[in-house]
Amino acid sequence: MTEQRFDGFAAAAPVTPIPSALLRELAPQMTDPAELIVTLYAVAALQRVRRFPRLLAVADLRAERPLVEALASLLPERGVDQALEDGLAAAVARGSLLRAADADDWLALNSADGRRAMAHRAQRTARPKPAPEPRGGSIVQLYEDAIGPLPPSLADELHAAAADYPEQWLEDAFAEAVEMNARNWRYIRTILERWQQEGRDHASTGTSRRQSRRSGYEHLRHR
């Protein structure tokens, strides 16, 4: 079967950030192609996760069609399931990926955020399931996961925000602050206020979203 020649990348093709250490240090050490393939697709899938903690279910990785096709094509003698498990085991052993050891199978990148995400999951798994908390309790958890301990002076403002904004907006605003490395409540509040004024759809798609982020951040820096 003759392979079809690739026509080249489109000018506006999406770009997936790859940690430079993966290309410079880790990839040259990988002797099993399964490890390289699985690591690359896991990194790409984790980059698409916008919530915090940024974790990827192994079941979702297994459902990535391009990954399945790559493993089936390049490692047909092993089979997709075995090649996937071999690649994950090697990546975890090397330290490029982290894998949860509880009943639910989750992955994270071995970065500062990934380690925090895994620690957060381990704490939630280890402690008994709490009783339903009053409205506003979840925003405190979001704040502590993304930024750190909540100052008492901000408690009333956060609970007011929980009453004013949809829960999904709060989760996405905190996730955006983590993604932009702007871990402070003023930045998150600016995002929420902008969505309320401009409409969420306007601020969450394509170029408009990126411009909105930048303008919101610049606005915050000059306040």
C-alpha atoms as a PDB file:
ATOM      1  CA  MET A   1       0.000   0.000   0.000  1.00  0.00           C
ATOM      2  CA  THR A   2       1.458   3.356  -1.050  1.00  0.00           C
ATOM      3  CA  GLU A   3       1.490   5.996   1.667  1.00  0.00           C
ATOM      4  CA  GLN A   4      -0.157   9.306   0.769  1.00  0.00           C
ATOM      5  CA  ARG A   5       2.229  12.256   0.840  1.00  0.00           C
ATOM      6  CA  PHE A   6       1.401  14.921   3.416  1.00  0.00           C
ATOM      7  CA  ASP A   7       0.516  18.264   1.816  1.00  0.00           C
ATOM      8  CA  GLY A   8       1.839  20.380   4.680  1.00  0.00           C
ATOM      9  CA  PHE A   9       0.453  22.167   7.725  1.00  0.00           C
ATOM     10  CA  ALA A  10      -2.241  24.749   7.202  1.00  0.00           C
ATOM     11  CA  ALA A  11      -1.432  28.310   8.234  1.00  0.00           C
ATOM     12  CA  ALA A  12      -4.120  28.346  10.937  1.00  0.00           C
ATOM     13  CA  ALA A  13      -3.641  24.737  12.076  1.00  0.00           C
ATOM     14  CA  PRO A  14      -3.990  24.269  15.864  1.00  0.00           C
ATOM     15  CA  VAL A  15      -0.683  23.956  17.711  1.00  0.00           C
ATOM     16  CA  THR A  16      -0.125  21.686  20.727  1.00  0.00           C
ATOM     17  CA  PRO A  17       2.592  22.852  23.168  1.00  0.00           C
ATOM     18  CA  ILE A  18       5.166  20.121  23.870  1.00  0.00           C
ATOM     19  CA  PRO A  19       7.521  20.449  26.875  1.00  0.00           C
ATOM     20  CA  SER A  20      11.013  21.053  25.522  1.00  0.00           C
ATOM     21  CA  ALA A  21      12.480  18.542  27.987  1.00  0.00           C
ATOM     22  CA  LEU A  22      10.387  15.831  26.342  1.00  0.00           C
ATOM     23  CA  LEU A  23      12.016  16.502  22.976  1.00  0.00           C
ATOM     24  CA  ARG A  24      15.547  17.241  24.215  1.00  0.00           C
ATOM     25  CA  GLU A  25      16.014  14.803  27.088  1.00  0.00           C
ATOM     26  CA  LEU A  26      13.338  12.132  27.252  1.00  0.00           C
ATOM     27  CA  ALA A  27      12.578  11.155  23.643  1.00  0.00           C
ATOM     28  CA  PRO A  28      16.205  10.183  22.821  1.00  0.00           C
ATOM     29  CA  GLN A  29      16.136   7.736  25.738  1.00  0.00           C
ATOM     30  CA  MET A  30      12.940   5.961  24.675  1.00  0.00           C
ATOM     31  CA  THR A  31      13.766   2.613  23.073  1.00  0.00           C
ATOM     32  CA  ASP A  32      10.151   1.410  22.925  1.00  0.00           C
ATOM     33  CA  PRO A  33       8.081   3.268  20.295  1.00  0.00           C
ATOM     34  CA  ALA A  34       4.979   2.599  22.387  1.00  0.00           C
ATOM     35  CA  GLU A  35       6.332   4.888  25.103  1.00  0.00           C
ATOM     36  CA  LEU A  36       6.994   7.739  22.680  1.00  0.00           C
ATOM     37  CA  ILE A  37       3.615   7.422  20.954  1.00  0.00           C
ATOM     38  CA  VAL A  38       1.611   7.165  24.181  1.00  0.00           C
ATOM     39  CA  THR A  39       3.530  10.003  25.850  1.00  0.00           C
ATOM     40  CA  LEU A  40       2.976  12.385  22.926  1.00  0.00           C
ATOM     41  CA  TYR A  41      -0.754  11.667  22.691  1.00  0.00           C
ATOM     42  CA  ALA A  42      -1.164  11.872  26.486  1.00  0.00           C
ATOM     43  CA  VAL A  43       0.565  15.273  26.561  1.00  0.00           C
ATOM     44  CA  ALA A  44      -1.663  16.499  23.722  1.00  0.00           C
ATOM     45  CA  ALA A  45      -4.831  15.232  25.428  1.00  0.00           C
ATOM     46  CA  LEU A  46      -3.837  16.808  28.748  1.00  0.00           C
ATOM     47  CA  GLN A  47      -3.285  20.155  27.020  1.00  0.00           C
ATOM     48  CA  ARG A  48      -6.949  20.092  25.965  1.00  0.00           C
ATOM     49  CA  VAL A  49      -8.138  19.707  29.562  1.00  0.00           C
ATOM     50  CA  ARG A  50      -9.265  23.159  30.688  1.00  0.00           C
ATOM     51  CA  ARG A  51     -10.537  22.333  34.158  1.00  0.00           C
ATOM     52  CA  PHE A  52      -8.471  22.142  37.332  1.00  0.00           C
ATOM     53  CA  PRO A  53      -7.210  19.766  38.567  1.00  0.00           C
ATOM     54  CA  ARG A  54      -5.888  18.976  35.063  1.00  0.00           C
ATOM     55  CA  LEU A  55      -6.275  15.189  34.996  1.00  0.00           C
ATOM     56  CA  LEU A  56      -6.934  12.816  32.106  1.00  0.00           C
ATOM     57  CA  ALA A  57      -8.889   9.590  32.461  1.00  0.00           C
ATOM     58  CA  VAL A  58      -7.019   6.637  30.982  1.00  0.00           C
ATOM     59  CA  ALA A  59     -10.330   5.577  29.429  1.00  0.00           C
ATOM     60  CA  ASP A  60     -10.435   8.897  27.540  1.00  0.00           C
ATOM     61  CA  LEU A  61      -6.868   8.421  26.325  1.00  0.00           C
ATOM     62  CA  ARG A  62      -7.749   4.922  25.171  1.00  0.00           C
ATOM     63  CA  ALA A  63     -10.625   6.415  23.156  1.00  0.00           C
ATOM     64  CA  GLU A  64      -8.296   8.763  21.207  1.00  0.00           C
ATOM     65  CA  ARG A  65      -8.750   7.468  17.667  1.00  0.00           C
ATOM     66  CA  PRO A  66      -5.433   8.804  16.269  1.00  0.00           C
ATOM     67  CA  LEU A  67      -3.580   7.113  19.138  1.00  0.00           C
ATOM     68  CA  VAL A  68      -5.355   3.819  18.508  1.00  0.00           C
ATOM     69  CA  GLU A  69      -4.577   4.025  14.798  1.00  0.00           C
ATOM     70  CA  ALA A  70      -0.917   4.857  15.443  1.00  0.00           C
ATOM     71  CA  LEU A  71      -0.458   1.926  17.817  1.00  0.00           C
ATOM     72  CA  ALA A  72      -2.325  -0.455  15.524  1.00  0.00           C
ATOM     73  CA  SER A  73      -0.268   0.619  12.515  1.00  0.00           C
ATOM     74  CA  LEU A  74       3.187   0.769  14.098  1.00  0.00           C
ATOM     75  CA  LEU A  75       2.901  -2.058  16.660  1.00  0.00           C
ATOM     76  CA  PRO A  76       0.441  -4.569  15.166  1.00  0.00           C
ATOM     77  CA  GLU A  77       2.200  -7.538  16.756  1.00  0.00           C
ATOM     78  CA  ARG A  78       1.333  -6.316  20.262  1.00  0.00           C
ATOM     79  CA  GLY A  79      -2.217  -5.137  19.777  1.00  0.00           C
ATOM     80  CA  VAL A  80      -3.522  -1.741  20.795  1.00  0.00           C
ATOM     81  CA  ASP A  81      -4.373  -2.555  24.436  1.00  0.00           C
ATOM     82  CA  GLN A  82      -1.009  -4.118  25.206  1.00  0.00           C
ATOM     83  CA  ALA A  83       0.931  -1.392  23.403  1.00  0.00           C
ATOM     84  CA  LEU A  84      -1.007   1.280  25.286  1.00  0.00           C
ATOM     85  CA  GLU A  85      -0.324  -0.340  28.656  1.00  0.00           C
ATOM     86  CA  ASP A  86       3.348  -0.853  27.758  1.00  0.00           C
ATOM     87  CA  GLY A  87       3.659   2.781  26.749  1.00  0.00           C
ATOM     88  CA  LEU A  88       1.932   4.054  29.892  1.00  0.00           C
ATOM     89  CA  ALA A  89       3.987   1.822  32.173  1.00  0.00           C
ATOM     90  CA  ALA A  90       7.219   3.024  30.572  1.00  0.00           C
ATOM     91  CA  ALA A  91       6.192   6.698  30.727  1.00  0.00           C
ATOM     92  CA  VAL A  92       5.229   6.400  34.401  1.00  0.00           C
ATOM     93  CA  ALA A  93       8.438   4.526  35.217  1.00  0.00           C
ATOM     94  CA  ARG A  94      10.494   7.197  33.460  1.00  0.00           C
ATOM     95  CA  GLY A  95       8.636   9.945  35.302  1.00  0.00           C
ATOM     96  CA  SER A  96       7.164  11.865  32.384  1.00  0.00           C
ATOM     97  CA  LEU A  97       3.588  10.934  33.361  1.00  0.00           C
ATOM     98  CA  LEU A  98       1.899  10.399  36.717  1.00  0.00           C
ATOM     99  CA  ARG A  99      -0.802   7.776  37.183  1.00  0.00           C
ATOM    100  CA  ALA A 100      -3.301   7.619  40.041  1.00  0.00           C
ATOM    101  CA  ALA A 101      -3.161   4.424  42.044  1.00  0.00           C
ATOM    102  CA  ASP A 102      -6.812   4.443  43.151  1.00  0.00           C
ATOM    103  CA  ALA A 103      -9.845   2.706  41.711  1.00  0.00           C
ATOM    104  CA  ASP A 104     -10.297   5.371  39.033  1.00  0.00           C
ATOM    105  CA  ASP A 105      -7.498   5.498  36.469  1.00  0.00           C
ATOM    106  CA  TRP A 106      -6.184   9.046  35.945  1.00  0.00           C
ATOM    107  CA  LEU A 107      -3.089  10.571  34.374  1.00  0.00           C
ATOM    108  CA  ALA A 108      -1.281  13.878  34.829  1.00  0.00           C
ATOM    109  CA  LEU A 109       1.844  15.429  33.401  1.00  0.00           C
ATOM    110  CA  ASN A 110       4.753  15.261  35.838  1.00  0.00           C
ATOM    111  CA  SER A 111       4.884  19.036  36.273  1.00  0.00           C
ATOM    112  CA  ALA A 112       4.208  21.291  39.243  1.00  0.00           C
ATOM    113  CA  ASP A 113       0.523  21.544  38.294  1.00  0.00           C
ATOM    114  CA  GLY A 114       0.304  17.815  37.593  1.00  0.00           C
ATOM    115  CA  ARG A 115       1.785  16.911  40.970  1.00  0.00           C
ATOM    116  CA  ARG A 116      -0.601  19.294  42.694  1.00  0.00           C
ATOM    117  CA  ALA A 117      -3.507  17.748  40.792  1.00  0.00           C
ATOM    118  CA  MET A 118      -2.494  14.242  41.841  1.00  0.00           C
ATOM    119  CA  ALA A 119      -1.983  15.306  45.457  1.00  0.00           C
ATOM    120  CA  HIS A 120      -5.400  16.958  45.440  1.00  0.00           C
ATOM    121  CA  ARG A 121      -6.987  13.781  44.072  1.00  0.00           C
ATOM    122  CA  ALA A 122      -5.192  11.609  46.623  1.00  0.00           C
ATOM    123  CA  GLN A 123      -6.472  13.788  49.456  1.00  0.00           C
ATOM    124  CA  ARG A 124     -10.045  13.650  48.163  1.00  0.00           C
ATOM    125  CA  THR A 125      -9.848   9.882  47.707  1.00  0.00           C
ATOM    126  CA  ALA A 126      -8.334   9.260  51.132  1.00  0.00           C
ATOM    127  CA  ARG A 127     -10.842  11.206  53.210  1.00  0.00           C
ATOM    128  CA  PRO A 128     -14.500  10.197  53.737  1.00  0.00           C
ATOM    129  CA  LYS A 129     -16.970  11.790  51.368  1.00  0.00           C
ATOM    130  CA  PRO A 130     -18.195  14.983  53.069  1.00  0.00           C
ATOM    131  CA  ALA A 131     -21.791  15.950  53.501  1.00  0.00           C
ATOM    132  CA  PRO A 132     -23.122  18.346  50.849  1.00  0.00           C
ATOM    133  CA  GLU A 133     -21.658  21.751  51.567  1.00  0.00           C
ATOM    134  CA  PRO A 134     -23.634  24.999  51.475  1.00  0.00           C
ATOM    135  CA  ARG A 135     -23.648  27.037  48.295  1.00  0.00           C
ATOM    136  CA  GLY A 136     -20.330  28.825  48.021  1.00  0.00           C
ATOM    137  CA  GLY A 137     -18.289  26.017  49.603  1.00  0.00           C
ATOM    138  CA  SER A 138     -17.164  24.753  46.205  1.00  0.00           C
ATOM    139  CA  ILE A 139     -15.689  28.127  45.233  1.00  0.00           C
ATOM    140  CA  VAL A 140     -13.475  27.975  48.311  1.00  0.00           C
ATOM    141  CA  GLN A 141     -12.214  24.598  47.114  1.00  0.00           C
ATOM    142  CA  LEU A 142     -11.596  26.029  43.631  1.00  0.00           C
ATOM    143  CA  TYR A 143      -9.652  28.924  45.137  1.00  0.00           C
ATOM    144  CA  GLU A 144      -7.494  26.706  47.334  1.00  0.00           C
ATOM    145  CA  ASP A 145      -6.795  24.248  44.505  1.00  0.00           C
ATOM    146  CA  ALA A 146      -5.759  26.956  42.049  1.00  0.00           C
ATOM    147  CA  ILE A 147      -4.227  29.649  44.270  1.00  0.00           C
ATOM    148  CA  GLY A 148      -3.689  28.465  47.832  1.00  0.00           C
ATOM    149  CA  PRO A 149      -5.166  29.050  51.303  1.00  0.00           C
ATOM    150  CA  LEU A 150      -8.097  31.454  51.286  1.00  0.00           C
ATOM    151  CA  PRO A 151      -7.463  34.734  53.181  1.00  0.00           C
ATOM    152  CA  PRO A 152     -10.354  35.445  55.568  1.00  0.00           C
ATOM    153  CA  SER A 153     -10.720  38.904  54.011  1.00  0.00           C
ATOM    154  CA  LEU A 154     -11.793  37.314  50.694  1.00  0.00           C
ATOM    155  CA  ALA A 155     -14.295  34.814  52.085  1.00  0.00           C
ATOM    156  CA  ASP A 156     -17.369  37.071  51.814  1.00  0.00           C
ATOM    157  CA  GLU A 157     -16.456  38.197  48.284  1.00  0.00           C
ATOM    158  CA  LEU A 158     -15.993  34.601  47.096  1.00  0.00           C
ATOM    159  CA  HIS A 159     -19.318  33.488  48.562  1.00  0.00           C
ATOM    160  CA  ALA A 160     -20.999  36.452  46.883  1.00  0.00           C
ATOM    161  CA  ALA A 161     -19.444  35.432  43.566  1.00  0.00           C
ATOM    162  CA  ALA A 162     -20.754  31.893  44.063  1.00  0.00           C
ATOM    163  CA  ALA A 163     -24.246  33.363  44.338  1.00  0.00           C
ATOM    164  CA  ASP A 164     -23.804  35.680  41.338  1.00  0.00           C
ATOM    165  CA  TYR A 165     -22.213  33.392  38.730  1.00  0.00           C
ATOM    166  CA  PRO A 166     -22.993  29.903  37.395  1.00  0.00           C
ATOM    167  CA  GLU A 167     -20.842  27.131  38.821  1.00  0.00           C
ATOM    168  CA  GLN A 168     -19.461  26.275  35.346  1.00  0.00           C
ATOM    169  CA  TRP A 169     -18.327  29.885  34.876  1.00  0.00           C
ATOM    170  CA  LEU A 170     -16.470  29.744  38.179  1.00  0.00           C
ATOM    171  CA  GLU A 171     -14.736  26.477  37.290  1.00  0.00           C
ATOM    172  CA  ASP A 172     -13.747  27.751  33.842  1.00  0.00           C
ATOM    173  CA  ALA A 173     -12.526  31.115  35.148  1.00  0.00           C
ATOM    174  CA  PHE A 174     -10.266  29.449  37.700  1.00  0.00           C
ATOM    175  CA  ALA A 175      -9.011  27.032  35.024  1.00  0.00           C
ATOM    176  CA  GLU A 176      -8.247  29.954  32.704  1.00  0.00           C
ATOM    177  CA  ALA A 177      -6.306  31.723  35.449  1.00  0.00           C
ATOM    178  CA  VAL A 178      -4.222  28.570  36.000  1.00  0.00           C
ATOM    179  CA  GLU A 179      -3.640  28.231  32.258  1.00  0.00           C
ATOM    180  CA  MET A 180      -2.529  31.873  31.985  1.00  0.00           C
ATOM    181  CA  ASN A 181      -0.399  31.558  35.153  1.00  0.00           C
ATOM    182  CA  ALA A 182      -2.319  34.451  36.686  1.00  0.00           C
ATOM    183  CA  ARG A 183      -3.259  32.854  39.985  1.00  0.00           C
ATOM    184  CA  ASN A 184      -5.032  35.655  41.820  1.00  0.00           C
ATOM    185  CA  TRP A 185      -8.638  36.473  42.602  1.00  0.00           C
ATOM    186  CA  ARG A 186      -8.586  39.894  40.914  1.00  0.00           C
ATOM    187  CA  TYR A 187      -7.767  38.270  37.583  1.00  0.00           C
ATOM    188  CA  ILE A 188     -10.514  35.666  38.028  1.00  0.00           C
ATOM    189  CA  ARG A 189     -13.034  38.330  39.061  1.00  0.00           C
ATOM    190  CA  THR A 190     -12.136  40.314  35.926  1.00  0.00           C
ATOM    191  CA  ILE A 191     -12.829  37.260  33.753  1.00  0.00           C
ATOM    192  CA  LEU A 192     -16.238  36.754  35.368  1.00  0.00           C
ATOM    193  CA  GLU A 193     -17.173  40.424  35.069  1.00  0.00           C
ATOM    194  CA  ARG A 194     -16.140  40.439  31.403  1.00  0.00           C
ATOM    195  CA  TRP A 195     -18.226  37.350  30.648  1.00  0.00           C
ATOM    196  CA  GLN A 196     -21.189  38.938  32.393  1.00  0.00           C
ATOM    197  CA  GLN A 197     -20.823  42.166  30.377  1.00  0.00           C
ATOM    198  CA  GLU A 198     -19.887  40.750  26.963  1.00  0.00           C
ATOM    199  CA  GLY A 199     -21.577  37.367  27.052  1.00  0.00           C
ATOM    200  CA  ARG A 200     -19.832  34.097  27.682  1.00  0.00           C
ATOM    201  CA  ASP A 201     -19.940  32.895  24.060  1.00  0.00           C
ATOM    202  CA  HIS A 202     -18.193  36.045  22.823  1.00  0.00           C
ATOM    203  CA  ALA A 203     -15.312  35.566  25.250  1.00  0.00           C
ATOM    204  CA  SER A 204     -14.802  31.831  24.904  1.00  0.00           C
ATOM    205  CA  THR A 205     -14.194  31.063  21.245  1.00  0.00           C
ATOM    206  CA  GLY A 206     -11.211  31.374  18.922  1.00  0.00           C
ATOM    207  CA  THR A 207      -9.489  34.702  18.497  1.00  0.00           C
ATOM    208  CA  SER A 208     -12.083  36.526  20.570  1.00  0.00           C
ATOM    209  CA  ARG A 209     -11.245  34.369  23.554  1.00  0.00           C
ATOM    210  CA  ARG A 210      -7.505  34.923  23.242  1.00  0.00           C
ATOM    211  CA  GLN A 211      -7.951  38.673  22.753  1.00  0.00           C
ATOM    212  CA  SER A 212     -10.357  38.778  25.668  1.00  0.00           C
ATOM    213  CA  ARG A 213      -7.839  37.035  27.891  1.00  0.00           C
ATOM    214  CA  ARG A 214      -5.078  39.432  26.954  1.00  0.00           C
ATOM    215  CA  SER A 215      -7.218  42.527  27.348  1.00  0.00           C
ATOM    216  CA  GLY A 216      -8.524  41.299  30.690  1.00  0.00           C
ATOM    217  CA  TYR A 217      -5.039  40.592  31.936  1.00  0.00           C
ATOM    218  CA  GLU A 218      -3.729  43.975  30.756  1.00  0.00           C
ATOM    219  CA  HIS A 219      -6.700  45.646  32.407  1.00  0.00           C
ATOM    220  CA  LEU A 220      -5.912  43.837  35.640  1.00  0.00           C
ATOM    221  CA  ARG A 221      -2.233  44.770  35.541  1.00  0.00           C
ATOM    222  CA  HIS A 222      -3.075  48.461  35.255  1.00  0.00           C
ATOM    223  CA  ARG A 223      -5.752  48.554  37.895  1.00  0.00           C
END
